[in-house]
Amino acid sequence: PDLTGHEKFGLGNVKYNISRIHVTAVELPSASISLLPGSGIKLVIGNASLTIDMNWNIRTWMFKDSGRGTVHISKVFVTAIFSTPLDITGPTSISLTSCQTTSGDIDIKLNGKS
């Protein structure tokens, strides 16, 4: 979905819109899944990266600008625990019990008219 909003800075508001958000690359060089006896599944992703392309525009009382942008997020680490209750009377269900995520580097490139 598009991201639209405004922020107040100094002397005025900055209105922004980020649209046409597309994930263009995902790298998972280290990923593992293990069973946790009696409780569920543990997913560990290490040193992952993600690249996103988008359109952006901003508007203030003094100027406006728009263009294309790329965001590259790297050194992403995720640990997630899923519980899988055993219930033979109904369908199998999975729920997220815990999730920890960290990211190391974020590189943002904006190309615009100004």
C-alpha atoms as a PDB file:
ATOM      1  CA  PRO A   1       0.000   0.000   0.000  1.00  0.00           C
ATOM      2  CA  ASP A   2       0.965   3.630  -0.498  1.00  0.00           C
ATOM      3  CA  LEU A   3       2.286   5.675   2.429  1.00  0.00           C
ATOM      4  CA  THR A   4       0.846   9.173   2.800  1.00  0.00           C
ATOM      5  CA  GLY A   5       1.188  11.613   5.645  1.00  0.00           C
ATOM      6  CA  HIS A   6       2.615  14.841   6.974  1.00  0.00           C
ATOM      7  CA  GLU A   7       5.249  15.889   9.481  1.00  0.00           C
ATOM      8  CA  LYS A   8       5.765  19.236  11.170  1.00  0.00           C
ATOM      9  CA  PHE A   9       9.285  20.654  10.788  1.00  0.00           C
ATOM     10  CA  GLY A  10      10.336  24.098  11.977  1.00  0.00           C
ATOM     11  CA  LEU A  11       8.209  26.641  10.153  1.00  0.00           C
ATOM     12  CA  GLY A  12       5.716  24.368   8.441  1.00  0.00           C
ATOM     13  CA  ASN A  13       4.346  21.012   7.452  1.00  0.00           C
ATOM     14  CA  VAL A  14       5.887  18.590   4.990  1.00  0.00           C
ATOM     15  CA  LYS A  15       3.352  16.449   3.145  1.00  0.00           C
ATOM     16  CA  TYR A  16       4.658  13.250   1.603  1.00  0.00           C
ATOM     17  CA  ASN A  17       3.453  10.355  -0.500  1.00  0.00           C
ATOM     18  CA  ILE A  18       5.335   7.140  -1.265  1.00  0.00           C
ATOM     19  CA  SER A  19       3.654   5.035  -3.937  1.00  0.00           C
ATOM     20  CA  ARG A  20       4.240   2.128  -6.314  1.00  0.00           C
ATOM     21  CA  ILE A  21       6.299   0.316  -3.694  1.00  0.00           C
ATOM     22  CA  HIS A  22       7.876  -2.822  -5.172  1.00  0.00           C
ATOM     23  CA  VAL A  23      10.228  -5.309  -3.558  1.00  0.00           C
ATOM     24  CA  THR A  24      12.799  -5.935  -6.302  1.00  0.00           C
ATOM     25  CA  ALA A  25      15.279  -8.208  -4.505  1.00  0.00           C
ATOM     26  CA  VAL A  26      15.413 -10.431  -1.425  1.00  0.00           C
ATOM     27  CA  GLU A  27      18.510 -12.348  -0.385  1.00  0.00           C
ATOM     28  CA  LEU A  28      18.465 -14.985   2.358  1.00  0.00           C
ATOM     29  CA  PRO A  29      22.036 -16.304   2.470  1.00  0.00           C
ATOM     30  CA  SER A  30      21.546 -17.985   5.840  1.00  0.00           C
ATOM     31  CA  ALA A  31      18.184 -19.411   6.854  1.00  0.00           C
ATOM     32  CA  SER A  32      17.255 -22.376   8.999  1.00  0.00           C
ATOM     33  CA  ILE A  33      14.127 -23.978  10.395  1.00  0.00           C
ATOM     34  CA  SER A  34      14.180 -26.264  13.415  1.00  0.00           C
ATOM     35  CA  LEU A  35      11.527 -28.115  15.364  1.00  0.00           C
ATOM     36  CA  LEU A  36      11.014 -27.272  19.026  1.00  0.00           C
ATOM     37  CA  PRO A  37       9.739 -30.519  20.588  1.00  0.00           C
ATOM     38  CA  GLY A  38       6.255 -30.137  21.977  1.00  0.00           C
ATOM     39  CA  SER A  39       5.955 -26.442  21.201  1.00  0.00           C
ATOM     40  CA  GLY A  40       6.534 -25.437  17.602  1.00  0.00           C
ATOM     41  CA  ILE A  41       8.975 -24.222  14.984  1.00  0.00           C
ATOM     42  CA  LYS A  42      11.947 -21.845  15.158  1.00  0.00           C
ATOM     43  CA  LEU A  43      12.919 -19.832  12.064  1.00  0.00           C
ATOM     44  CA  VAL A  44      16.308 -18.083  11.979  1.00  0.00           C
ATOM     45  CA  ILE A  45      17.356 -15.809   9.096  1.00  0.00           C
ATOM     46  CA  GLY A  46      20.823 -14.294   9.141  1.00  0.00           C
ATOM     47  CA  ASN A  47      22.482 -11.546   7.112  1.00  0.00           C
ATOM     48  CA  ALA A  48      19.495 -11.067   4.792  1.00  0.00           C
ATOM     49  CA  SER A  49      18.971  -8.081   2.511  1.00  0.00           C
ATOM     50  CA  LEU A  50      16.029  -6.403   0.802  1.00  0.00           C
ATOM     51  CA  THR A  51      15.778  -3.847  -2.017  1.00  0.00           C
ATOM     52  CA  ILE A  52      12.658  -1.721  -2.568  1.00  0.00           C
ATOM     53  CA  ASP A  53      11.887   0.674  -5.466  1.00  0.00           C
ATOM     54  CA  MET A  54       9.248   3.386  -5.174  1.00  0.00           C
ATOM     55  CA  ASN A  55       7.880   6.714  -6.372  1.00  0.00           C
ATOM     56  CA  TRP A  56       7.941   9.620  -3.909  1.00  0.00           C
ATOM     57  CA  ASN A  57       6.772  13.207  -3.684  1.00  0.00           C
ATOM     58  CA  ILE A  58       6.932  15.888  -1.020  1.00  0.00           C
ATOM     59  CA  ARG A  59       5.281  19.275  -0.716  1.00  0.00           C
ATOM     60  CA  THR A  60       5.905  22.184   1.644  1.00  0.00           C
ATOM     61  CA  TRP A  61       4.701  25.779   1.633  1.00  0.00           C
ATOM     62  CA  MET A  62       7.943  26.717  -0.150  1.00  0.00           C
ATOM     63  CA  PHE A  63       8.567  23.930  -2.691  1.00  0.00           C
ATOM     64  CA  LYS A  64       7.543  20.560  -4.020  1.00  0.00           C
ATOM     65  CA  ASP A  65       9.523  17.731  -5.559  1.00  0.00           C
ATOM     66  CA  SER A  66       9.012  14.163  -6.745  1.00  0.00           C
ATOM     67  CA  GLY A  67      10.908  11.285  -8.279  1.00  0.00           C
ATOM     68  CA  ARG A  68      11.977   7.675  -7.926  1.00  0.00           C
ATOM     69  CA  GLY A  69      13.764   6.106  -5.001  1.00  0.00           C
ATOM     70  CA  THR A  70      15.523   2.931  -3.943  1.00  0.00           C
ATOM     71  CA  VAL A  71      15.923   1.620  -0.399  1.00  0.00           C
ATOM     72  CA  HIS A  72      18.429  -1.151   0.315  1.00  0.00           C
ATOM     73  CA  ILE A  73      18.294  -2.755   3.771  1.00  0.00           C
ATOM     74  CA  SER A  74      21.113  -5.138   4.669  1.00  0.00           C
ATOM     75  CA  LYS A  75      22.458  -7.110   7.617  1.00  0.00           C
ATOM     76  CA  VAL A  76      18.924  -8.140   8.577  1.00  0.00           C
ATOM     77  CA  PHE A  77      18.600 -10.816  11.267  1.00  0.00           C
ATOM     78  CA  VAL A  78      15.277 -12.436  12.201  1.00  0.00           C
ATOM     79  CA  THR A  79      14.419 -15.036  14.835  1.00  0.00           C
ATOM     80  CA  ALA A  80      10.796 -16.157  14.960  1.00  0.00           C
ATOM     81  CA  ILE A  81       9.057 -18.799  17.059  1.00  0.00           C
ATOM     82  CA  PHE A  82       5.790 -20.295  15.816  1.00  0.00           C
ATOM     83  CA  SER A  83       3.558 -22.411  18.023  1.00  0.00           C
ATOM     84  CA  THR A  84       1.739 -25.335  16.500  1.00  0.00           C
ATOM     85  CA  PRO A  85      -0.863 -26.605  18.960  1.00  0.00           C
ATOM     86  CA  LEU A  86      -1.801 -30.211  18.389  1.00  0.00           C
ATOM     87  CA  ASP A  87      -5.549 -30.572  18.157  1.00  0.00           C
ATOM     88  CA  ILE A  88      -6.767 -33.638  16.316  1.00  0.00           C
ATOM     89  CA  THR A  89     -10.370 -32.365  16.303  1.00  0.00           C
ATOM     90  CA  GLY A  90      -9.823 -29.365  14.027  1.00  0.00           C
ATOM     91  CA  PRO A  91      -7.599 -27.921  11.330  1.00  0.00           C
ATOM     92  CA  THR A  92      -3.910 -27.352  12.003  1.00  0.00           C
ATOM     93  CA  SER A  93      -3.105 -23.837  13.134  1.00  0.00           C
ATOM     94  CA  ILE A  94       0.130 -21.876  13.423  1.00  0.00           C
ATOM     95  CA  SER A  95       0.586 -18.692  15.434  1.00  0.00           C
ATOM     96  CA  LEU A  96       3.561 -16.390  15.899  1.00  0.00           C
ATOM     97  CA  THR A  97       4.744 -16.595  19.515  1.00  0.00           C
ATOM     98  CA  SER A  98       7.756 -14.282  19.347  1.00  0.00           C
ATOM     99  CA  CYS A  99       9.774 -12.387  16.760  1.00  0.00           C
ATOM    100  CA  GLN A 100      13.015 -10.428  17.006  1.00  0.00           C
ATOM    101  CA  THR A 101      14.407  -8.451  14.080  1.00  0.00           C
ATOM    102  CA  THR A 102      17.442  -6.217  13.661  1.00  0.00           C
ATOM    103  CA  SER A 103      18.845  -4.448  10.633  1.00  0.00           C
ATOM    104  CA  GLY A 104      22.356  -3.115  10.251  1.00  0.00           C
ATOM    105  CA  ASP A 105      22.477  -0.778   7.257  1.00  0.00           C
ATOM    106  CA  ILE A 106      19.869   1.215   5.362  1.00  0.00           C
ATOM    107  CA  ASP A 107      20.859   2.987   2.125  1.00  0.00           C
ATOM    108  CA  ILE A 108      18.298   5.421   0.652  1.00  0.00           C
ATOM    109  CA  LYS A 109      18.733   6.952  -2.820  1.00  0.00           C
ATOM    110  CA  LEU A 110      16.242   9.548  -4.029  1.00  0.00           C
ATOM    111  CA  ASN A 111      16.273  10.883  -7.574  1.00  0.00           C
ATOM    112  CA  GLY A 112      14.120  13.960  -8.165  1.00  0.00           C
ATOM    113  CA  LYS A 113      13.704  17.090 -10.203  1.00  0.00           C
ATOM    114  CA  SER A 114      15.558  19.270  -7.723  1.00  0.00           C
END
